[in-house]
Amino acid sequence: MLKGLGALGDMAGMMKKAQEMQGKMAQLQDDMANITVTGESGAGLVKATCTAKGELKELDIDPSIFNGDDKEVVEDLILAAIKDAQSRATQRAQEEMAKLTEGMGLPADMKLPF
């Protein structure tokens, strides 16, 4: 009855692949919480570390930048380091997702929910 549908006729196989993908996605979500990246600004004077999900975990500020006159500069360096870390986190998450989708035979640029 479903012979004319080709690969679409194998619903059991499709369901199995969908369940496998769901399991791998759940594992990747867990892994993203444990992968950390570090962004920096001011030639390393300010460093921000976050997970691949973008959650800020650590902020390291070199004490040499603490001068009352430089408050705005310090604030800018902190923001720049956090933005750099978040950008790196997004890139790392995309790389990990590309590995997963490639392994499943899906297009590398397929946008999945995260």
PDB file of N, CA and C in Angstrom:
ATOM      1  N   MET A   1       0.804  -1.201   0.000  1.00  0.00           N
ATOM      2  CA  MET A   1       0.000   0.000   0.000  1.00  0.00           C
ATOM      3  C   MET A   1       0.848   1.268   0.000  1.00  0.00           C
ATOM      4  N   LEU A   2       1.971   1.269   0.707  1.00  0.00           N
ATOM      5  CA  LEU A   2       2.834   2.454   0.775  1.00  0.00           C
ATOM      6  C   LEU A   2       4.061   2.348  -0.130  1.00  0.00           C
ATOM      7  N   LYS A   3       4.076   1.355  -1.019  1.00  0.00           N
ATOM      8  CA  LYS A   3       5.252   1.140  -1.859  1.00  0.00           C
ATOM      9  C   LYS A   3       5.565   2.350  -2.742  1.00  0.00           C
ATOM     10  N   GLY A   4       4.585   3.060  -3.196  1.00  0.00           N
ATOM     11  CA  GLY A   4       4.778   4.188  -4.085  1.00  0.00           C
ATOM     12  C   GLY A   4       5.375   5.416  -3.406  1.00  0.00           C
ATOM     13  N   LEU A   5       5.469   5.412  -2.084  1.00  0.00           N
ATOM     14  CA  LEU A   5       5.997   6.570  -1.358  1.00  0.00           C
ATOM     15  C   LEU A   5       7.502   6.503  -1.135  1.00  0.00           C
ATOM     16  N   GLY A   6       8.138   5.426  -1.522  1.00  0.00           N
ATOM     17  CA  GLY A   6       9.590   5.304  -1.374  1.00  0.00           C
ATOM     18  C   GLY A   6      10.014   5.378   0.076  1.00  0.00           C
ATOM     19  N   ALA A   7      10.989   6.250   0.386  1.00  0.00           N
ATOM     20  CA  ALA A   7      11.539   6.371   1.736  1.00  0.00           C
ATOM     21  C   ALA A   7      10.489   6.840   2.739  1.00  0.00           C
ATOM     22  N   LEU A   8       9.484   7.577   2.259  1.00  0.00           N
ATOM     23  CA  LEU A   8       8.442   8.053   3.169  1.00  0.00           C
ATOM     24  C   LEU A   8       7.562   6.918   3.669  1.00  0.00           C
ATOM     25  N   GLY A   9       7.562   5.820   2.959  1.00  0.00           N
ATOM     26  CA  GLY A   9       6.760   4.678   3.367  1.00  0.00           C
ATOM     27  C   GLY A   9       7.294   3.974   4.588  1.00  0.00           C
ATOM     28  N   ASP A  10       8.529   4.209   4.937  1.00  0.00           N
ATOM     29  CA  ASP A  10       9.126   3.544   6.090  1.00  0.00           C
ATOM     30  C   ASP A  10       8.915   4.399   7.340  1.00  0.00           C
ATOM     31  N   MET A  11       7.681   4.441   7.821  1.00  0.00           N
ATOM     32  CA  MET A  11       7.344   5.264   8.986  1.00  0.00           C
ATOM     33  C   MET A  11       8.082   4.807  10.233  1.00  0.00           C
ATOM     34  N   ALA A  12       8.252   3.512  10.397  1.00  0.00           N
ATOM     35  CA  ALA A  12       8.948   3.007  11.586  1.00  0.00           C
ATOM     36  C   ALA A  12      10.383   3.502  11.599  1.00  0.00           C
ATOM     37  N   GLY A  13      11.022   3.502  10.450  1.00  0.00           N
ATOM     38  CA  GLY A  13      12.398   3.997  10.356  1.00  0.00           C
ATOM     39  C   GLY A  13      12.482   5.490  10.637  1.00  0.00           C
ATOM     40  N   MET A  14      11.500   6.221  10.133  1.00  0.00           N
ATOM     41  CA  MET A  14      11.481   7.662  10.378  1.00  0.00           C
ATOM     42  C   MET A  14      11.268   7.956  11.859  1.00  0.00           C
ATOM     43  N   MET A  15      10.374   7.212  12.489  1.00  0.00           N
ATOM     44  CA  MET A  15      10.115   7.425  13.913  1.00  0.00           C
ATOM     45  C   MET A  15      11.363   7.097  14.737  1.00  0.00           C
ATOM     46  N   LYS A  16      12.058   6.050  14.351  1.00  0.00           N
ATOM     47  CA  LYS A  16      13.271   5.667  15.067  1.00  0.00           C
ATOM     48  C   LYS A  16      14.318   6.778  14.945  1.00  0.00           C
ATOM     49  N   LYS A  17      14.474   7.322  13.739  1.00  0.00           N
ATOM     50  CA  LYS A  17      15.436   8.414  13.542  1.00  0.00           C
ATOM     51  C   LYS A  17      15.037   9.656  14.335  1.00  0.00           C
ATOM     52  N   ALA A  18      13.743   9.937  14.380  1.00  0.00           N
ATOM     53  CA  ALA A  18      13.261  11.094  15.136  1.00  0.00           C
ATOM     54  C   ALA A  18      13.548  10.922  16.623  1.00  0.00           C
ATOM     55  N   GLN A  19      13.327   9.729  17.152  1.00  0.00           N
ATOM     56  CA  GLN A  19      13.610   9.464  18.563  1.00  0.00           C
ATOM     57  C   GLN A  19      15.110   9.552  18.841  1.00  0.00           C
ATOM     58  N   GLU A  20      15.904   9.045  17.917  1.00  0.00           N
ATOM     59  CA  GLU A  20      17.359   9.113  18.057  1.00  0.00           C
ATOM     60  C   GLU A  20      17.816  10.573  18.072  1.00  0.00           C
ATOM     61  N   MET A  21      17.253  11.368  17.173  1.00  0.00           N
ATOM     62  CA  MET A  21      17.588  12.792  17.104  1.00  0.00           C
ATOM     63  C   MET A  21      17.191  13.497  18.392  1.00  0.00           C
ATOM     64  N   GLN A  22      16.011  13.162  18.913  1.00  0.00           N
ATOM     65  CA  GLN A  22      15.544  13.769  20.151  1.00  0.00           C
ATOM     66  C   GLN A  22      16.491  13.452  21.302  1.00  0.00           C
ATOM     67  N   GLY A  23      16.957  12.223  21.389  1.00  0.00           N
ATOM     68  CA  GLY A  23      17.902  11.831  22.425  1.00  0.00           C
ATOM     69  C   GLY A  23      19.229  12.557  22.295  1.00  0.00           C
ATOM     70  N   LYS A  24      19.709  12.687  21.066  1.00  0.00           N
ATOM     71  CA  LYS A  24      20.971  13.387  20.841  1.00  0.00           C
ATOM     72  C   LYS A  24      20.835  14.878  21.145  1.00  0.00           C
ATOM     73  N   MET A  25      19.678  15.449  20.835  1.00  0.00           N
ATOM     74  CA  MET A  25      19.451  16.865  21.137  1.00  0.00           C
ATOM     75  C   MET A  25      19.450  17.097  22.648  1.00  0.00           C
ATOM     76  N   ALA A  26      18.810  16.197  23.390  1.00  0.00           N
ATOM     77  CA  ALA A  26      18.769  16.326  24.851  1.00  0.00           C
ATOM     78  C   ALA A  26      20.178  16.223  25.420  1.00  0.00           C
ATOM     79  N   GLN A  27      20.969  15.291  24.894  1.00  0.00           N
ATOM     80  CA  GLN A  27      22.348  15.146  25.368  1.00  0.00           C
ATOM     81  C   GLN A  27      23.161  16.386  25.042  1.00  0.00           C
ATOM     82  N   LEU A  28      22.964  16.939  23.840  1.00  0.00           N
ATOM     83  CA  LEU A  28      23.695  18.137  23.450  1.00  0.00           C
ATOM     84  C   LEU A  28      23.319  19.313  24.349  1.00  0.00           C
ATOM     85  N   GLN A  29      22.051  19.432  24.708  1.00  0.00           N
ATOM     86  CA  GLN A  29      21.621  20.496  25.624  1.00  0.00           C
ATOM     87  C   GLN A  29      22.368  20.372  26.955  1.00  0.00           C
ATOM     88  N   ASP A  30      22.477  19.156  27.465  1.00  0.00           N
ATOM     89  CA  ASP A  30      23.216  18.934  28.714  1.00  0.00           C
ATOM     90  C   ASP A  30      24.689  19.289  28.539  1.00  0.00           C
ATOM     91  N   ASP A  31      25.261  18.874  27.420  1.00  0.00           N
ATOM     92  CA  ASP A  31      26.679  19.148  27.164  1.00  0.00           C
ATOM     93  C   ASP A  31      26.952  20.649  27.071  1.00  0.00           C
ATOM     94  N   MET A  32      26.042  21.402  26.479  1.00  0.00           N
ATOM     95  CA  MET A  32      26.229  22.846  26.310  1.00  0.00           C
ATOM     96  C   MET A  32      26.375  23.554  27.659  1.00  0.00           C
ATOM     97  N   ALA A  33      25.748  23.013  28.679  1.00  0.00           N
ATOM     98  CA  ALA A  33      25.849  23.616  30.005  1.00  0.00           C
ATOM     99  C   ALA A  33      27.230  23.396  30.616  1.00  0.00           C
ATOM    100  N   ASN A  34      27.966  22.418  30.102  1.00  0.00           N
ATOM    101  CA  ASN A  34      29.286  22.098  30.647  1.00  0.00           C
ATOM    102  C   ASN A  34      30.444  22.610  29.807  1.00  0.00           C
ATOM    103  N   ILE A  35      30.175  23.013  28.573  1.00  0.00           N
ATOM    104  CA  ILE A  35      31.212  23.568  27.699  1.00  0.00           C
ATOM    105  C   ILE A  35      31.369  25.044  28.046  1.00  0.00           C
ATOM    106  N   THR A  36      32.594  25.474  28.321  1.00  0.00           N
ATOM    107  CA  THR A  36      32.806  26.884  28.630  1.00  0.00           C
ATOM    108  C   THR A  36      33.745  27.523  27.612  1.00  0.00           C
ATOM    109  N   VAL A  37      33.522  28.805  27.385  1.00  0.00           N
ATOM    110  CA  VAL A  37      34.377  29.610  26.521  1.00  0.00           C
ATOM    111  C   VAL A  37      34.704  30.897  27.272  1.00  0.00           C
ATOM    112  N   THR A  38      35.843  31.492  26.937  1.00  0.00           N
ATOM    113  CA  THR A  38      36.261  32.723  27.596  1.00  0.00           C
ATOM    114  C   THR A  38      36.452  33.817  26.568  1.00  0.00           C
ATOM    115  N   GLY A  39      35.825  34.959  26.830  1.00  0.00           N
ATOM    116  CA  GLY A  39      36.005  36.137  25.996  1.00  0.00           C
ATOM    117  C   GLY A  39      36.818  37.143  26.773  1.00  0.00           C
ATOM    118  N   GLU A  40      37.482  38.035  26.061  1.00  0.00           N
ATOM    119  CA  GLU A  40      38.312  39.013  26.758  1.00  0.00           C
ATOM    120  C   GLU A  40      38.302  40.356  26.049  1.00  0.00           C
ATOM    121  N   SER A  41      38.746  41.357  26.790  1.00  0.00           N
ATOM    122  CA  SER A  41      38.884  42.697  26.232  1.00  0.00           C
ATOM    123  C   SER A  41      40.052  43.373  26.930  1.00  0.00           C
ATOM    124  N   GLY A  42      40.478  44.499  26.361  1.00  0.00           N
ATOM    125  CA  GLY A  42      41.591  45.233  26.961  1.00  0.00           C
ATOM    126  C   GLY A  42      42.861  44.417  27.027  1.00  0.00           C
ATOM    127  N   ALA A  43      43.143  43.684  25.964  1.00  0.00           N
ATOM    128  CA  ALA A  43      44.344  42.837  25.886  1.00  0.00           C
ATOM    129  C   ALA A  43      44.422  41.868  27.063  1.00  0.00           C
ATOM    130  N   GLY A  44      43.267  41.331  27.449  1.00  0.00           N
ATOM    131  CA  GLY A  44      43.222  40.333  28.504  1.00  0.00           C
ATOM    132  C   GLY A  44      43.053  40.892  29.910  1.00  0.00           C
ATOM    133  N   LEU A  45      42.872  42.197  30.034  1.00  0.00           N
ATOM    134  CA  LEU A  45      42.681  42.790  31.359  1.00  0.00           C
ATOM    135  C   LEU A  45      41.343  42.390  31.970  1.00  0.00           C
ATOM    136  N   VAL A  46      40.343  42.156  31.118  1.00  0.00           N
ATOM    137  CA  VAL A  46      39.033  41.703  31.577  1.00  0.00           C
ATOM    138  C   VAL A  46      38.692  40.431  30.807  1.00  0.00           C
ATOM    139  N   LYS A  47      38.337  39.379  31.556  1.00  0.00           N
ATOM    140  CA  LYS A  47      37.974  38.104  30.944  1.00  0.00           C
ATOM    141  C   LYS A  47      36.620  37.663  31.490  1.00  0.00           C
ATOM    142  N   ALA A  48      35.766  37.213  30.596  1.00  0.00           N
ATOM    143  CA  ALA A  48      34.453  36.706  30.975  1.00  0.00           C
ATOM    144  C   ALA A  48      34.339  35.272  30.471  1.00  0.00           C
ATOM    145  N   THR A  49      33.899  34.378  31.341  1.00  0.00           N
ATOM    146  CA  THR A  49      33.731  32.977  30.973  1.00  0.00           C
ATOM    147  C   THR A  49      32.249  32.630  31.058  1.00  0.00           C
ATOM    148  N   CYS A  50      31.747  31.988  30.010  1.00  0.00           N
ATOM    149  CA  CYS A  50      30.352  31.566  30.027  1.00  0.00           C
ATOM    150  C   CYS A  50      30.221  30.190  29.394  1.00  0.00           C
ATOM    151  N   THR A  51      29.055  29.577  29.609  1.00  0.00           N
ATOM    152  CA  THR A  51      28.795  28.277  29.014  1.00  0.00           C
ATOM    153  C   THR A  51      28.450  28.464  27.546  1.00  0.00           C
ATOM    154  N   ALA A  52      28.426  27.360  26.807  1.00  0.00           N
ATOM    155  CA  ALA A  52      28.051  27.426  25.396  1.00  0.00           C
ATOM    156  C   ALA A  52      26.589  27.831  25.236  1.00  0.00           C
ATOM    157  N   LYS A  53      25.829  27.804  26.329  1.00  0.00           N
ATOM    158  CA  LYS A  53      24.450  28.291  26.313  1.00  0.00           C
ATOM    159  C   LYS A  53      24.399  29.803  26.528  1.00  0.00           C
ATOM    160  N   GLY A  54      25.543  30.419  26.848  1.00  0.00           N
ATOM    161  CA  GLY A  54      25.598  31.868  27.037  1.00  0.00           C
ATOM    162  C   GLY A  54      25.445  32.319  28.472  1.00  0.00           C
ATOM    163  N   GLU A  55      25.420  31.393  29.430  1.00  0.00           N
ATOM    164  CA  GLU A  55      25.286  31.751  30.845  1.00  0.00           C
ATOM    165  C   GLU A  55      26.636  32.190  31.394  1.00  0.00           C
ATOM    166  N   LEU A  56      26.697  33.419  31.895  1.00  0.00           N
ATOM    167  CA  LEU A  56      27.937  33.956  32.454  1.00  0.00           C
ATOM    168  C   LEU A  56      28.294  33.207  33.723  1.00  0.00           C
ATOM    169  N   LYS A  57      29.507  32.667  33.785  1.00  0.00           N
ATOM    170  CA  LYS A  57      29.948  31.875  34.925  1.00  0.00           C
ATOM    171  C   LYS A  57      31.029  32.556  35.754  1.00  0.00           C
ATOM    172  N   GLU A  58      31.875  33.345  35.103  1.00  0.00           N
ATOM    173  CA  GLU A  58      33.020  33.920  35.807  1.00  0.00           C
ATOM    174  C   GLU A  58      33.429  35.226  35.149  1.00  0.00           C
ATOM    175  N   LEU A  59      33.892  36.137  35.968  1.00  0.00           N
ATOM    176  CA  LEU A  59      34.402  37.413  35.484  1.00  0.00           C
ATOM    177  C   LEU A  59      35.726  37.653  36.186  1.00  0.00           C
ATOM    178  N   ASP A  60      36.789  37.852  35.415  1.00  0.00           N
ATOM    179  CA  ASP A  60      38.126  38.066  35.973  1.00  0.00           C
ATOM    180  C   ASP A  60      38.620  39.439  35.522  1.00  0.00           C
ATOM    181  N   ILE A  61      38.892  40.307  36.494  1.00  0.00           N
ATOM    182  CA  ILE A  61      39.319  41.674  36.192  1.00  0.00           C
ATOM    183  C   ILE A  61      40.692  41.906  36.800  1.00  0.00           C
ATOM    184  N   ASP A  62      41.633  42.304  35.955  1.00  0.00           N
ATOM    185  CA  ASP A  62      42.978  42.613  36.432  1.00  0.00           C
ATOM    186  C   ASP A  62      42.899  43.851  37.340  1.00  0.00           C
ATOM    187  N   PRO A  63      43.463  43.783  38.551  1.00  0.00           N
ATOM    188  CA  PRO A  63      43.359  44.909  39.488  1.00  0.00           C
ATOM    189  C   PRO A  63      44.007  46.205  38.986  1.00  0.00           C
ATOM    190  N   SER A  64      44.874  46.115  38.012  1.00  0.00           N
ATOM    191  CA  SER A  64      45.556  47.317  37.524  1.00  0.00           C
ATOM    192  C   SER A  64      44.601  48.307  36.854  1.00  0.00           C
ATOM    193  N   ILE A  65      43.405  47.861  36.480  1.00  0.00           N
ATOM    194  CA  ILE A  65      42.497  48.784  35.797  1.00  0.00           C
ATOM    195  C   ILE A  65      41.609  49.569  36.759  1.00  0.00           C
ATOM    196  N   PHE A  66      41.716  49.310  38.052  1.00  0.00           N
ATOM    197  CA  PHE A  66      40.872  50.014  39.014  1.00  0.00           C
ATOM    198  C   PHE A  66      41.471  51.362  39.379  1.00  0.00           C
ATOM    199  N   ASN A  67      40.942  52.367  38.727  1.00  0.00           N
ATOM    200  CA  ASN A  67      41.323  53.748  38.978  1.00  0.00           C
ATOM    201  C   ASN A  67      40.023  54.536  38.877  1.00  0.00           C
ATOM    202  N   GLY A  68      39.707  55.285  39.903  1.00  0.00           N
ATOM    203  CA  GLY A  68      38.440  56.007  39.952  1.00  0.00           C
ATOM    204  C   GLY A  68      38.152  56.844  38.726  1.00  0.00           C
ATOM    205  N   ASP A  69      39.186  57.368  38.088  1.00  0.00           N
ATOM    206  CA  ASP A  69      38.999  58.213  36.915  1.00  0.00           C
ATOM    207  C   ASP A  69      38.600  57.415  35.670  1.00  0.00           C
ATOM    208  N   ASP A  70      38.840  56.107  35.693  1.00  0.00           N
ATOM    209  CA  ASP A  70      38.616  55.271  34.514  1.00  0.00           C
ATOM    210  C   ASP A  70      37.349  54.423  34.610  1.00  0.00           C
ATOM    211  N   LYS A  71      36.395  54.842  35.410  1.00  0.00           N
ATOM    212  CA  LYS A  71      35.181  54.055  35.637  1.00  0.00           C
ATOM    213  C   LYS A  71      34.495  53.672  34.324  1.00  0.00           C
ATOM    214  N   GLU A  72      34.309  54.617  33.423  1.00  0.00           N
ATOM    215  CA  GLU A  72      33.622  54.329  32.161  1.00  0.00           C
ATOM    216  C   GLU A  72      34.423  53.360  31.303  1.00  0.00           C
ATOM    217  N   VAL A  73      35.740  53.478  31.318  1.00  0.00           N
ATOM    218  CA  VAL A  73      36.595  52.574  30.543  1.00  0.00           C
ATOM    219  C   VAL A  73      36.456  51.151  31.082  1.00  0.00           C
ATOM    220  N   VAL A  74      36.476  51.017  32.408  1.00  0.00           N
ATOM    221  CA  VAL A  74      36.342  49.693  33.023  1.00  0.00           C
ATOM    222  C   VAL A  74      34.979  49.089  32.674  1.00  0.00           C
ATOM    223  N   GLU A  75      33.932  49.876  32.757  1.00  0.00           N
ATOM    224  CA  GLU A  75      32.602  49.377  32.409  1.00  0.00           C
ATOM    225  C   GLU A  75      32.552  48.925  30.954  1.00  0.00           C
ATOM    226  N   ASP A  76      33.154  49.687  30.065  1.00  0.00           N
ATOM    227  CA  ASP A  76      33.188  49.312  28.657  1.00  0.00           C
ATOM    228  C   ASP A  76      33.969  48.023  28.444  1.00  0.00           C
ATOM    229  N   LEU A  77      35.088  47.871  29.151  1.00  0.00           N
ATOM    230  CA  LEU A  77      35.889  46.645  29.031  1.00  0.00           C
ATOM    231  C   LEU A  77      35.108  45.430  29.527  1.00  0.00           C
ATOM    232  N   ILE A  78      34.381  45.592  30.614  1.00  0.00           N
ATOM    233  CA  ILE A  78      33.586  44.484  31.148  1.00  0.00           C
ATOM    234  C   ILE A  78      32.509  44.081  30.139  1.00  0.00           C
ATOM    235  N   LEU A  79      31.780  45.056  29.620  1.00  0.00           N
ATOM    236  CA  LEU A  79      30.752  44.750  28.625  1.00  0.00           C
ATOM    237  C   LEU A  79      31.344  44.091  27.384  1.00  0.00           C
ATOM    238  N   ALA A  80      32.482  44.590  26.941  1.00  0.00           N
ATOM    239  CA  ALA A  80      33.119  44.021  25.743  1.00  0.00           C
ATOM    240  C   ALA A  80      33.536  42.569  25.985  1.00  0.00           C
ATOM    241  N   ALA A  81      34.063  42.273  27.161  1.00  0.00           N
ATOM    242  CA  ALA A  81      34.475  40.905  27.473  1.00  0.00           C
ATOM    243  C   ALA A  81      33.265  39.973  27.526  1.00  0.00           C
ATOM    244  N   ILE A  82      32.178  40.444  28.125  1.00  0.00           N
ATOM    245  CA  ILE A  82      30.966  39.625  28.205  1.00  0.00           C
ATOM    246  C   ILE A  82      30.399  39.377  26.806  1.00  0.00           C
ATOM    247  N   LYS A  83      30.346  40.405  25.984  1.00  0.00           N
ATOM    248  CA  LYS A  83      29.842  40.247  24.619  1.00  0.00           C
ATOM    249  C   LYS A  83      30.721  39.286  23.819  1.00  0.00           C
ATOM    250  N   ASP A  84      32.032  39.367  24.017  1.00  0.00           N
ATOM    251  CA  ASP A  84      32.956  38.470  23.335  1.00  0.00           C
ATOM    252  C   ASP A  84      32.712  37.024  23.769  1.00  0.00           C
ATOM    253  N   ALA A  85      32.539  36.810  25.071  1.00  0.00           N
ATOM    254  CA  ALA A  85      32.276  35.463  25.578  1.00  0.00           C
ATOM    255  C   ALA A  85      30.953  34.924  25.039  1.00  0.00           C
ATOM    256  N   GLN A  86      29.923  35.755  25.007  1.00  0.00           N
ATOM    257  CA  GLN A  86      28.631  35.316  24.494  1.00  0.00           C
ATOM    258  C   GLN A  86      28.695  35.009  23.007  1.00  0.00           C
ATOM    259  N   SER A  87      29.455  35.796  22.265  1.00  0.00           N
ATOM    260  CA  SER A  87      29.631  35.543  20.843  1.00  0.00           C
ATOM    261  C   SER A  87      30.344  34.208  20.616  1.00  0.00           C
ATOM    262  N   ARG A  88      31.382  33.975  21.408  1.00  0.00           N
ATOM    263  CA  ARG A  88      32.107  32.705  21.308  1.00  0.00           C
ATOM    264  C   ARG A  88      31.215  31.530  21.706  1.00  0.00           C
ATOM    265  N   ALA A  89      30.344  31.743  22.695  1.00  0.00           N
ATOM    266  CA  ALA A  89      29.424  30.696  23.128  1.00  0.00           C
ATOM    267  C   ALA A  89      28.457  30.345  22.004  1.00  0.00           C
ATOM    268  N   THR A  90      27.930  31.359  21.334  1.00  0.00           N
ATOM    269  CA  THR A  90      27.013  31.130  20.221  1.00  0.00           C
ATOM    270  C   THR A  90      27.708  30.372  19.104  1.00  0.00           C
ATOM    271  N   GLN A  91      28.938  30.770  18.802  1.00  0.00           N
ATOM    272  CA  GLN A  91      29.700  30.095  17.755  1.00  0.00           C
ATOM    273  C   GLN A  91      29.954  28.642  18.133  1.00  0.00           C
ATOM    274  N   ARG A  92      30.335  28.395  19.371  1.00  0.00           N
ATOM    275  CA  ARG A  92      30.611  27.028  19.817  1.00  0.00           C
ATOM    276  C   ARG A  92      29.346  26.179  19.773  1.00  0.00           C
ATOM    277  N   ALA A  93      28.213  26.762  20.182  1.00  0.00           N
ATOM    278  CA  ALA A  93      26.945  26.036  20.138  1.00  0.00           C
ATOM    279  C   ALA A  93      26.595  25.663  18.699  1.00  0.00           C
ATOM    280  N   GLN A  94      26.830  26.581  17.770  1.00  0.00           N
ATOM    281  CA  GLN A  94      26.554  26.302  16.361  1.00  0.00           C
ATOM    282  C   GLN A  94      27.467  25.192  15.834  1.00  0.00           C
ATOM    283  N   GLU A  95      28.733  25.204  16.268  1.00  0.00           N
ATOM    284  CA  GLU A  95      29.664  24.153  15.840  1.00  0.00           C
ATOM    285  C   GLU A  95      29.214  22.789  16.360  1.00  0.00           C
ATOM    286  N   GLU A  96      28.788  22.740  17.625  1.00  0.00           N
ATOM    287  CA  GLU A  96      28.336  21.481  18.214  1.00  0.00           C
ATOM    288  C   GLU A  96      27.067  20.995  17.521  1.00  0.00           C
ATOM    289  N   MET A  97      26.155  21.911  17.202  1.00  0.00           N
ATOM    290  CA  MET A  97      24.923  21.550  16.522  1.00  0.00           C
ATOM    291  C   MET A  97      25.223  21.040  15.118  1.00  0.00           C
ATOM    292  N   ALA A  98      26.184  21.668  14.438  1.00  0.00           N
ATOM    293  CA  ALA A  98      26.550  21.223  13.089  1.00  0.00           C
ATOM    294  C   ALA A  98      27.089  19.797  13.127  1.00  0.00           C
ATOM    295  N   LYS A  99      27.869  19.467  14.166  1.00  0.00           N
ATOM    296  CA  LYS A  99      28.373  18.097  14.304  1.00  0.00           C
ATOM    297  C   LYS A  99      27.208  17.117  14.442  1.00  0.00           C
ATOM    298  N   LEU A 100      26.216  17.509  15.252  1.00  0.00           N
ATOM    299  CA  LEU A 100      25.064  16.638  15.476  1.00  0.00           C
ATOM    300  C   LEU A 100      24.255  16.457  14.207  1.00  0.00           C
ATOM    301  N   THR A 101      23.919  17.551  13.532  1.00  0.00           N
ATOM    302  CA  THR A 101      23.095  17.450  12.331  1.00  0.00           C
ATOM    303  C   THR A 101      23.829  16.720  11.210  1.00  0.00           C
ATOM    304  N   GLU A 102      25.136  16.925  11.114  1.00  0.00           N
ATOM    305  CA  GLU A 102      25.922  16.233  10.095  1.00  0.00           C
ATOM    306  C   GLU A 102      25.889  14.725  10.335  1.00  0.00           C
ATOM    307  N   GLY A 103      26.011  14.338  11.600  1.00  0.00           N
ATOM    308  CA  GLY A 103      25.973  12.922  11.955  1.00  0.00           C
ATOM    309  C   GLY A 103      24.626  12.285  11.687  1.00  0.00           C
ATOM    310  N   MET A 104      23.581  13.105  11.669  1.00  0.00           N
ATOM    311  CA  MET A 104      22.227  12.599  11.413  1.00  0.00           C
ATOM    312  C   MET A 104      21.856  12.688   9.936  1.00  0.00           C
ATOM    313  N   GLY A 105      22.764  13.217   9.111  1.00  0.00           N
ATOM    314  CA  GLY A 105      22.480  13.347   7.687  1.00  0.00           C
ATOM    315  C   GLY A 105      21.618  14.548   7.356  1.00  0.00           C
ATOM    316  N   LEU A 106      21.555  15.525   8.276  1.00  0.00           N
ATOM    317  CA  LEU A 106      20.776  16.740   8.037  1.00  0.00           C
ATOM    318  C   LEU A 106      21.691  17.844   7.529  1.00  0.00           C
ATOM    319  N   PRO A 107      21.138  18.856   6.885  1.00  0.00           N
ATOM    320  CA  PRO A 107      21.978  19.976   6.420  1.00  0.00           C
ATOM    321  C   PRO A 107      22.692  20.654   7.581  1.00  0.00           C
ATOM    322  N   ALA A 108      23.942  21.013   7.412  1.00  0.00           N
ATOM    323  CA  ALA A 108      24.742  21.625   8.476  1.00  0.00           C
ATOM    324  C   ALA A 108      24.174  22.958   8.938  1.00  0.00           C
ATOM    325  N   ASP A 109      23.488  23.676   8.044  1.00  0.00           N
ATOM    326  CA  ASP A 109      22.949  24.984   8.409  1.00  0.00           C
ATOM    327  C   ASP A 109      21.510  24.922   8.898  1.00  0.00           C
ATOM    328  N   MET A 110      21.016  23.726   9.192  1.00  0.00           N
ATOM    329  CA  MET A 110      19.641  23.574   9.675  1.00  0.00           C
ATOM    330  C   MET A 110      19.524  24.198  11.068  1.00  0.00           C
ATOM    331  N   LYS A 111      18.562  25.087  11.231  1.00  0.00           N
ATOM    332  CA  LYS A 111      18.349  25.758  12.506  1.00  0.00           C
ATOM    333  C   LYS A 111      17.434  24.920  13.375  1.00  0.00           C
ATOM    334  N   LEU A 112      17.959  24.463  14.492  1.00  0.00           N
ATOM    335  CA  LEU A 112      17.165  23.710  15.447  1.00  0.00           C
ATOM    336  C   LEU A 112      16.949  24.560  16.688  1.00  0.00           C
ATOM    337  N   PRO A 113      15.996  24.218  17.522  1.00  0.00           N
ATOM    338  CA  PRO A 113      15.554  25.133  18.588  1.00  0.00           C
ATOM    339  C   PRO A 113      16.523  25.343  19.737  1.00  0.00           C
ATOM    340  N   PHE A 114      17.583  26.105  19.535  1.00  0.00           N
ATOM    341  CA  PHE A 114      18.386  26.722  20.595  1.00  0.00           C
ATOM    342  C   PHE A 114      19.486  27.490  20.048  1.00  0.00           C
TER     343      PHE A 114
END
